[in-house]
Amino acid sequence: MRALELLIGGSLKSTLTCAMTRDINGTSILMAAVARGDTDMATWLLKKFGKQLALLENTSKMLPIHVAAAQGNMEFLRAAIKFDNQMVNARDEFGCTPC
């Protein structure tokens, strides 16, 4: 709950620091939202923190866009490539691209 409070009400620097935190697998709050299928939250996070959060890899070098593509989440994919259309060429540790 504290993380959510920071994301909503803190200064941009403190909220970005919180948003950039990853778990042991390298999963960010953005990637978790995408994995859960919470497109509204994922899109909000993307708009608030932009490219820096969208390009945060997990331990397998996957980006949130990889997860969205695997799930067929076209809404998030469209939103994410507006920040950096080169993300579609990002390769994970297995050499796979999102699209």
N, C-alpha and C. Protein backbone atom coordinates (compact mmCIF):
# COMPACT_ATOMS: atom_id res chain seq x y z
N MET A 1 0.83 -1.19 0.00
CA MET A 1 0.00 0.00 0.00
C MET A 1 0.87 1.25 0.00
N ARG A 2 1.97 1.21 0.72
CA ARG A 2 2.88 2.36 0.78
C ARG A 2 3.42 2.68 -0.61
N ALA A 3 3.74 1.64 -1.38
CA ALA A 3 4.25 1.86 -2.74
C ALA A 3 3.21 2.57 -3.59
N LEU A 4 1.97 2.17 -3.45
CA LEU A 4 0.90 2.82 -4.22
C LEU A 4 0.74 4.28 -3.80
N GLU A 5 0.82 4.55 -2.49
CA GLU A 5 0.74 5.92 -2.00
C GLU A 5 1.86 6.77 -2.59
N LEU A 6 3.07 6.22 -2.63
CA LEU A 6 4.20 6.96 -3.21
C LEU A 6 3.99 7.22 -4.69
N LEU A 7 3.49 6.22 -5.40
CA LEU A 7 3.27 6.37 -6.84
C LEU A 7 2.23 7.43 -7.16
N ILE A 8 1.24 7.54 -6.33
CA ILE A 8 0.16 8.48 -6.60
C ILE A 8 0.49 9.89 -6.11
N GLY A 9 1.08 9.99 -4.92
CA GLY A 9 1.19 11.30 -4.31
C GLY A 9 2.57 11.87 -4.11
N GLY A 10 3.61 11.12 -4.34
CA GLY A 10 4.95 11.62 -4.06
C GLY A 10 5.50 12.49 -5.17
N SER A 11 6.70 13.01 -4.90
CA SER A 11 7.38 13.79 -5.94
C SER A 11 7.78 12.85 -7.07
N LEU A 12 8.02 13.41 -8.24
CA LEU A 12 8.35 12.57 -9.40
C LEU A 12 9.60 11.73 -9.13
N LYS A 13 10.61 12.32 -8.48
CA LYS A 13 11.84 11.58 -8.22
C LYS A 13 11.58 10.39 -7.29
N SER A 14 10.84 10.61 -6.21
CA SER A 14 10.58 9.50 -5.28
C SER A 14 9.64 8.47 -5.89
N THR A 15 8.68 8.91 -6.68
CA THR A 15 7.77 7.95 -7.30
C THR A 15 8.48 7.14 -8.38
N LEU A 16 9.38 7.77 -9.12
CA LEU A 16 10.14 7.04 -10.14
C LEU A 16 11.03 5.99 -9.48
N THR A 17 11.68 6.36 -8.38
CA THR A 17 12.51 5.40 -7.65
C THR A 17 11.69 4.20 -7.21
N CYS A 18 10.50 4.46 -6.70
CA CYS A 18 9.61 3.38 -6.27
C CYS A 18 9.17 2.53 -7.46
N ALA A 19 8.80 3.17 -8.55
CA ALA A 19 8.33 2.45 -9.74
C ALA A 19 9.43 1.60 -10.37
N MET A 20 10.68 2.02 -10.23
CA MET A 20 11.80 1.31 -10.84
C MET A 20 12.27 0.13 -9.99
N THR A 21 11.68 -0.06 -8.83
CA THR A 21 12.03 -1.18 -7.96
C THR A 21 11.57 -2.49 -8.61
N ARG A 22 12.43 -3.51 -8.51
CA ARG A 22 12.09 -4.81 -9.10
C ARG A 22 12.19 -5.90 -8.03
N ASP A 23 11.48 -7.00 -8.25
CA ASP A 23 11.56 -8.12 -7.32
C ASP A 23 12.76 -9.01 -7.68
N ILE A 24 12.87 -10.15 -7.05
CA ILE A 24 14.01 -11.04 -7.25
C ILE A 24 14.13 -11.53 -8.70
N ASN A 25 13.01 -11.56 -9.43
CA ASN A 25 13.01 -11.98 -10.83
C ASN A 25 13.18 -10.81 -11.78
N GLY A 26 13.31 -9.62 -11.21
CA GLY A 26 13.46 -8.43 -12.04
C GLY A 26 12.13 -7.86 -12.51
N THR A 27 11.04 -8.34 -11.93
CA THR A 27 9.71 -7.87 -12.33
C THR A 27 9.43 -6.50 -11.73
N SER A 28 9.13 -5.55 -12.60
CA SER A 28 8.77 -4.20 -12.15
C SER A 28 7.26 -4.13 -11.93
N ILE A 29 6.83 -3.04 -11.35
CA ILE A 29 5.39 -2.85 -11.14
C ILE A 29 4.65 -2.79 -12.48
N LEU A 30 5.30 -2.23 -13.51
CA LEU A 30 4.69 -2.18 -14.84
C LEU A 30 4.55 -3.58 -15.42
N MET A 31 5.61 -4.37 -15.33
CA MET A 31 5.54 -5.73 -15.87
C MET A 31 4.51 -6.57 -15.12
N ALA A 32 4.42 -6.37 -13.81
CA ALA A 32 3.43 -7.11 -13.02
C ALA A 32 2.01 -6.74 -13.45
N ALA A 33 1.77 -5.46 -13.68
CA ALA A 33 0.45 -5.01 -14.13
C ALA A 33 0.10 -5.62 -15.48
N VAL A 34 1.07 -5.65 -16.39
CA VAL A 34 0.85 -6.24 -17.71
C VAL A 34 0.58 -7.74 -17.56
N ALA A 35 1.38 -8.42 -16.75
CA ALA A 35 1.23 -9.86 -16.56
C ALA A 35 -0.14 -10.21 -15.96
N ARG A 36 -0.65 -9.35 -15.09
CA ARG A 36 -1.97 -9.58 -14.49
C ARG A 36 -3.10 -9.23 -15.44
N GLY A 37 -2.77 -8.62 -16.56
CA GLY A 37 -3.80 -8.20 -17.50
C GLY A 37 -4.49 -6.92 -17.10
N ASP A 38 -3.88 -6.17 -16.19
CA ASP A 38 -4.45 -4.90 -15.72
C ASP A 38 -3.97 -3.78 -16.65
N THR A 39 -4.59 -3.71 -17.81
CA THR A 39 -4.17 -2.76 -18.84
C THR A 39 -4.36 -1.32 -18.40
N ASP A 40 -5.41 -1.03 -17.66
CA ASP A 40 -5.62 0.34 -17.18
C ASP A 40 -4.47 0.79 -16.30
N MET A 41 -4.07 -0.04 -15.34
CA MET A 41 -2.95 0.30 -14.45
C MET A 41 -1.66 0.38 -15.24
N ALA A 42 -1.43 -0.58 -16.13
CA ALA A 42 -0.20 -0.59 -16.93
C ALA A 42 -0.09 0.66 -17.79
N THR A 43 -1.18 1.05 -18.40
CA THR A 43 -1.18 2.25 -19.24
C THR A 43 -0.96 3.50 -18.41
N TRP A 44 -1.56 3.56 -17.23
CA TRP A 44 -1.35 4.69 -16.33
C TRP A 44 0.12 4.80 -15.93
N LEU A 45 0.71 3.66 -15.55
CA LEU A 45 2.13 3.65 -15.18
C LEU A 45 3.00 4.09 -16.35
N LEU A 46 2.67 3.61 -17.52
CA LEU A 46 3.43 3.97 -18.72
C LEU A 46 3.35 5.48 -18.98
N LYS A 47 2.16 6.04 -18.85
CA LYS A 47 2.01 7.48 -19.07
C LYS A 47 2.72 8.30 -18.00
N LYS A 48 2.70 7.82 -16.76
CA LYS A 48 3.32 8.56 -15.66
C LYS A 48 4.84 8.49 -15.72
N PHE A 49 5.41 7.33 -16.05
CA PHE A 49 6.86 7.15 -15.97
C PHE A 49 7.54 6.96 -17.32
N GLY A 50 6.79 6.69 -18.36
CA GLY A 50 7.31 6.66 -19.71
C GLY A 50 8.34 5.61 -20.03
N LYS A 51 9.19 5.99 -20.95
CA LYS A 51 10.17 5.09 -21.56
C LYS A 51 11.11 4.44 -20.54
N GLN A 52 11.50 5.18 -19.53
CA GLN A 52 12.45 4.64 -18.55
C GLN A 52 11.89 3.38 -17.88
N LEU A 53 10.63 3.40 -17.50
CA LEU A 53 10.02 2.23 -16.88
C LEU A 53 9.71 1.16 -17.93
N ALA A 54 9.30 1.57 -19.11
CA ALA A 54 8.96 0.62 -20.17
C ALA A 54 10.17 -0.19 -20.63
N LEU A 55 11.37 0.37 -20.49
CA LEU A 55 12.59 -0.32 -20.92
C LEU A 55 13.30 -1.06 -19.80
N LEU A 56 12.66 -1.18 -18.64
CA LEU A 56 13.25 -1.88 -17.51
C LEU A 56 13.07 -3.39 -17.70
N GLU A 57 14.17 -4.09 -17.89
CA GLU A 57 14.16 -5.53 -18.16
C GLU A 57 14.03 -6.35 -16.88
N ASN A 58 13.51 -7.57 -17.02
CA ASN A 58 13.57 -8.52 -15.91
C ASN A 58 14.87 -9.32 -16.05
N THR A 59 15.04 -10.35 -15.24
CA THR A 59 16.29 -11.11 -15.26
C THR A 59 16.48 -11.91 -16.55
N SER A 60 15.40 -12.12 -17.30
CA SER A 60 15.48 -12.81 -18.60
C SER A 60 15.59 -11.83 -19.76
N LYS A 61 15.84 -10.57 -19.43
CA LYS A 61 15.97 -9.48 -20.40
C LYS A 61 14.67 -9.20 -21.15
N MET A 62 13.56 -9.62 -20.56
CA MET A 62 12.25 -9.35 -21.15
C MET A 62 11.77 -7.97 -20.70
N LEU A 63 11.08 -7.30 -21.60
CA LEU A 63 10.45 -6.02 -21.30
C LEU A 63 8.95 -6.26 -21.09
N PRO A 64 8.25 -5.31 -20.50
CA PRO A 64 6.80 -5.45 -20.38
C PRO A 64 6.13 -5.70 -21.74
N ILE A 65 6.70 -5.17 -22.80
CA ILE A 65 6.12 -5.36 -24.13
C ILE A 65 6.21 -6.84 -24.57
N HIS A 66 7.22 -7.58 -24.11
CA HIS A 66 7.30 -9.02 -24.39
C HIS A 66 6.10 -9.74 -23.76
N VAL A 67 5.81 -9.38 -22.51
CA VAL A 67 4.70 -10.02 -21.80
C VAL A 67 3.37 -9.67 -22.47
N ALA A 68 3.21 -8.41 -22.82
CA ALA A 68 1.98 -7.97 -23.48
C ALA A 68 1.78 -8.69 -24.81
N ALA A 69 2.86 -8.85 -25.57
CA ALA A 69 2.76 -9.54 -26.86
C ALA A 69 2.39 -11.01 -26.66
N ALA A 70 2.99 -11.65 -25.67
CA ALA A 70 2.68 -13.05 -25.39
C ALA A 70 1.22 -13.24 -25.01
N GLN A 71 0.64 -12.23 -24.38
CA GLN A 71 -0.76 -12.30 -23.96
C GLN A 71 -1.72 -11.75 -25.01
N GLY A 72 -1.19 -11.19 -26.07
CA GLY A 72 -2.05 -10.61 -27.09
C GLY A 72 -2.70 -9.31 -26.65
N ASN A 73 -2.04 -8.59 -25.75
CA ASN A 73 -2.58 -7.35 -25.20
C ASN A 73 -2.27 -6.19 -26.16
N MET A 74 -3.08 -6.07 -27.18
CA MET A 74 -2.86 -5.06 -28.22
C MET A 74 -2.98 -3.63 -27.69
N GLU A 75 -3.86 -3.42 -26.73
CA GLU A 75 -4.04 -2.08 -26.18
C GLU A 75 -2.75 -1.57 -25.54
N PHE A 76 -2.11 -2.41 -24.74
CA PHE A 76 -0.85 -1.99 -24.12
C PHE A 76 0.26 -1.88 -25.16
N LEU A 77 0.30 -2.79 -26.11
CA LEU A 77 1.32 -2.73 -27.16
C LEU A 77 1.25 -1.41 -27.92
N ARG A 78 0.06 -1.00 -28.28
CA ARG A 78 -0.10 0.27 -29.00
C ARG A 78 0.39 1.44 -28.16
N ALA A 79 0.04 1.43 -26.88
CA ALA A 79 0.46 2.52 -25.98
C ALA A 79 1.98 2.52 -25.81
N ALA A 80 2.57 1.35 -25.64
CA ALA A 80 4.01 1.27 -25.37
C ALA A 80 4.85 1.70 -26.56
N ILE A 81 4.46 1.32 -27.76
CA ILE A 81 5.30 1.68 -28.91
C ILE A 81 5.23 3.16 -29.24
N LYS A 82 4.26 3.87 -28.67
CA LYS A 82 4.25 5.33 -28.84
C LYS A 82 5.42 5.98 -28.12
N PHE A 83 5.91 5.34 -27.05
CA PHE A 83 7.04 5.87 -26.30
C PHE A 83 8.37 5.55 -26.97
N ASP A 84 8.43 4.38 -27.61
CA ASP A 84 9.65 3.98 -28.31
C ASP A 84 9.30 2.83 -29.25
N ASN A 85 9.17 3.13 -30.53
CA ASN A 85 8.76 2.08 -31.47
C ASN A 85 9.85 1.05 -31.71
N GLN A 86 11.06 1.30 -31.24
CA GLN A 86 12.14 0.32 -31.38
C GLN A 86 12.04 -0.82 -30.36
N MET A 87 11.14 -0.68 -29.38
CA MET A 87 10.96 -1.75 -28.39
C MET A 87 10.54 -3.05 -29.06
N VAL A 88 9.87 -2.98 -30.20
CA VAL A 88 9.43 -4.20 -30.88
C VAL A 88 10.61 -5.03 -31.36
N ASN A 89 11.80 -4.45 -31.41
CA ASN A 89 13.00 -5.17 -31.82
C ASN A 89 13.83 -5.67 -30.65
N ALA A 90 13.40 -5.39 -29.42
CA ALA A 90 14.16 -5.80 -28.23
C ALA A 90 14.17 -7.33 -28.12
N ARG A 91 15.33 -7.87 -27.87
CA ARG A 91 15.47 -9.33 -27.74
C ARG A 91 15.69 -9.71 -26.28
N ASP A 92 15.01 -10.77 -25.87
CA ASP A 92 15.22 -11.28 -24.52
C ASP A 92 16.44 -12.20 -24.52
N GLU A 93 16.72 -12.85 -23.42
CA GLU A 93 17.93 -13.69 -23.34
C GLU A 93 17.89 -14.89 -24.28
N PHE A 94 16.73 -15.21 -24.81
CA PHE A 94 16.59 -16.33 -25.75
C PHE A 94 16.61 -15.87 -27.20
N GLY A 95 16.75 -14.55 -27.38
CA GLY A 95 16.80 -13.98 -28.72
C GLY A 95 15.44 -13.68 -29.32
N CYS A 96 14.39 -13.79 -28.50
CA CYS A 96 13.03 -13.55 -28.99
C CYS A 96 12.66 -12.07 -28.92
N THR A 97 11.98 -11.60 -29.94
CA THR A 97 11.44 -10.24 -29.94
C THR A 97 9.98 -10.31 -29.51
N PRO A 98 9.40 -9.19 -29.09
CA PRO A 98 8.00 -9.21 -28.66
C PRO A 98 7.02 -9.56 -29.78
N CYS A 99 7.32 -9.13 -30.99
CA CYS A 99 6.35 -9.30 -32.08
C CYS A 99 6.89 -10.20 -33.17
